[in-house]
Amino acid sequence: MAVSVATKICEMKKQMIHVAEEHDFNFQHPKVVEISQKLDLLIVEVMQKQQPIQN
């Protein structure tokens, strides 16, 4: 069974919050930044699929 993209996004957000908590909410901590960047890519991918290509 495939996990939906929305579910992946929610799970990654929870993971990012958890990791940030572990590092005293240091949003510049490398682990927090890494998760944030992966989350950004996933969100951009979803947005690109939802928007028609404009020339």
N, C-alpha and C. Protein backbone atom coordinates (compact mmCIF):
# COMPACT_ATOMS: atom_id res chain seq x y z
N MET A 1 0.85 -1.19 0.00
CA MET A 1 0.00 0.00 0.00
C MET A 1 0.89 1.25 0.00
N ALA A 2 0.65 2.11 -0.92
CA ALA A 2 1.45 3.34 -1.05
C ALA A 2 0.99 4.39 -0.04
N VAL A 3 1.96 5.09 0.50
CA VAL A 3 1.67 6.18 1.43
C VAL A 3 1.44 7.44 0.60
N SER A 4 0.38 8.18 0.92
CA SER A 4 0.08 9.39 0.16
C SER A 4 1.14 10.46 0.42
N VAL A 5 1.26 11.36 -0.52
CA VAL A 5 2.22 12.46 -0.38
C VAL A 5 1.84 13.33 0.81
N ALA A 6 0.54 13.55 1.00
CA ALA A 6 0.09 14.36 2.14
C ALA A 6 0.52 13.72 3.45
N THR A 7 0.44 12.39 3.52
CA THR A 7 0.87 11.67 4.73
C THR A 7 2.37 11.82 4.93
N LYS A 8 3.13 11.70 3.85
CA LYS A 8 4.59 11.88 3.94
C LYS A 8 4.94 13.26 4.45
N ILE A 9 4.23 14.28 3.93
CA ILE A 9 4.49 15.66 4.36
C ILE A 9 4.20 15.82 5.85
N CYS A 10 3.07 15.29 6.29
CA CYS A 10 2.72 15.37 7.72
C CYS A 10 3.75 14.66 8.60
N GLU A 11 4.18 13.48 8.17
CA GLU A 11 5.18 12.73 8.94
C GLU A 11 6.51 13.48 9.01
N MET A 12 6.91 14.07 7.89
CA MET A 12 8.17 14.81 7.87
C MET A 12 8.09 16.06 8.75
N LYS A 13 6.94 16.72 8.75
CA LYS A 13 6.77 17.90 9.60
C LYS A 13 6.90 17.51 11.07
N LYS A 14 6.26 16.39 11.44
CA LYS A 14 6.35 15.91 12.83
C LYS A 14 7.78 15.57 13.18
N GLN A 15 8.48 14.91 12.24
CA GLN A 15 9.86 14.55 12.47
C GLN A 15 10.73 15.80 12.65
N MET A 16 10.51 16.80 11.82
CA MET A 16 11.29 18.03 11.92
C MET A 16 11.06 18.73 13.26
N ILE A 17 9.82 18.77 13.69
CA ILE A 17 9.50 19.38 14.99
C ILE A 17 10.18 18.61 16.11
N HIS A 18 10.12 17.29 16.05
CA HIS A 18 10.74 16.45 17.08
C HIS A 18 12.26 16.69 17.14
N VAL A 19 12.90 16.71 15.98
CA VAL A 19 14.35 16.92 15.93
C VAL A 19 14.69 18.33 16.42
N ALA A 20 13.89 19.30 16.06
CA ALA A 20 14.12 20.68 16.54
C ALA A 20 14.01 20.74 18.06
N GLU A 21 13.02 20.05 18.62
CA GLU A 21 12.87 20.01 20.08
C GLU A 21 14.11 19.40 20.74
N GLU A 22 14.63 18.34 20.13
CA GLU A 22 15.83 17.68 20.67
C GLU A 22 17.04 18.59 20.69
N HIS A 23 17.04 19.59 19.81
CA HIS A 23 18.19 20.50 19.70
C HIS A 23 17.82 21.91 20.14
N ASP A 24 16.96 21.99 21.16
CA ASP A 24 16.57 23.27 21.78
C ASP A 24 16.04 24.27 20.75
N PHE A 25 15.27 23.77 19.79
CA PHE A 25 14.66 24.60 18.74
C PHE A 25 15.68 25.43 17.98
N ASN A 26 16.86 24.83 17.79
CA ASN A 26 17.89 25.45 16.95
C ASN A 26 17.58 25.07 15.50
N PHE A 27 16.89 25.95 14.80
CA PHE A 27 16.47 25.65 13.43
C PHE A 27 17.62 25.69 12.43
N GLN A 28 18.81 26.03 12.92
CA GLN A 28 19.99 25.99 12.06
C GLN A 28 20.80 24.72 12.28
N HIS A 29 20.33 23.85 13.16
CA HIS A 29 21.03 22.58 13.38
C HIS A 29 20.99 21.77 12.09
N PRO A 30 22.11 21.15 11.73
CA PRO A 30 22.18 20.43 10.45
C PRO A 30 21.07 19.39 10.23
N LYS A 31 20.67 18.68 11.27
CA LYS A 31 19.62 17.68 11.11
C LYS A 31 18.27 18.33 10.82
N VAL A 32 18.00 19.45 11.47
CA VAL A 32 16.75 20.18 11.24
C VAL A 32 16.73 20.74 9.82
N VAL A 33 17.85 21.31 9.41
CA VAL A 33 17.97 21.87 8.06
C VAL A 33 17.80 20.78 7.01
N GLU A 34 18.39 19.63 7.24
CA GLU A 34 18.29 18.52 6.29
C GLU A 34 16.84 18.08 6.09
N ILE A 35 16.11 17.91 7.18
CA ILE A 35 14.71 17.51 7.08
C ILE A 35 13.89 18.61 6.41
N SER A 36 14.17 19.85 6.77
CA SER A 36 13.45 20.98 6.19
C SER A 36 13.64 21.05 4.68
N GLN A 37 14.86 20.81 4.23
CA GLN A 37 15.15 20.85 2.79
C GLN A 37 14.43 19.73 2.05
N LYS A 38 14.40 18.54 2.64
CA LYS A 38 13.70 17.42 2.03
C LYS A 38 12.19 17.70 1.97
N LEU A 39 11.69 18.29 3.03
CA LEU A 39 10.28 18.66 3.08
C LEU A 39 9.96 19.71 2.03
N ASP A 40 10.83 20.68 1.88
CA ASP A 40 10.65 21.72 0.85
C ASP A 40 10.56 21.10 -0.54
N LEU A 41 11.45 20.16 -0.83
CA LEU A 41 11.45 19.52 -2.15
C LEU A 41 10.15 18.76 -2.40
N LEU A 42 9.65 18.09 -1.38
CA LEU A 42 8.41 17.35 -1.52
C LEU A 42 7.23 18.29 -1.75
N ILE A 43 7.21 19.39 -1.03
CA ILE A 43 6.13 20.38 -1.19
C ILE A 43 6.19 21.01 -2.58
N VAL A 44 7.38 21.34 -3.05
CA VAL A 44 7.53 21.92 -4.39
C VAL A 44 7.05 20.92 -5.45
N GLU A 45 7.39 19.67 -5.26
CA GLU A 45 6.96 18.62 -6.20
C GLU A 45 5.43 18.57 -6.29
N VAL A 46 4.78 18.64 -5.15
CA VAL A 46 3.31 18.62 -5.11
C VAL A 46 2.74 19.86 -5.79
N MET A 47 3.32 21.00 -5.49
CA MET A 47 2.83 22.25 -6.08
C MET A 47 2.99 22.26 -7.59
N GLN A 48 4.10 21.72 -8.09
CA GLN A 48 4.33 21.69 -9.53
C GLN A 48 3.32 20.78 -10.22
N LYS A 49 2.93 19.72 -9.57
CA LYS A 49 1.95 18.81 -10.15
C LYS A 49 0.54 19.42 -10.17
N GLN A 50 0.29 20.32 -9.22
CA GLN A 50 -1.03 20.93 -9.11
C GLN A 50 -1.22 22.12 -10.04
N GLN A 51 -0.14 22.78 -10.42
CA GLN A 51 -0.24 23.98 -11.25
C GLN A 51 0.01 23.64 -12.71
N PRO A 52 -0.83 24.17 -13.60
CA PRO A 52 -0.58 23.98 -15.02
C PRO A 52 0.69 24.73 -15.43
N ILE A 53 1.39 24.19 -16.39
CA ILE A 53 2.61 24.84 -16.89
C ILE A 53 2.21 26.08 -17.68
N GLN A 54 2.84 27.21 -17.32
CA GLN A 54 2.54 28.47 -18.01
C GLN A 54 3.75 28.90 -18.81
N ASN A 55 3.52 29.34 -20.02
CA ASN A 55 4.61 29.82 -20.89
C ASN A 55 4.63 31.33 -20.94
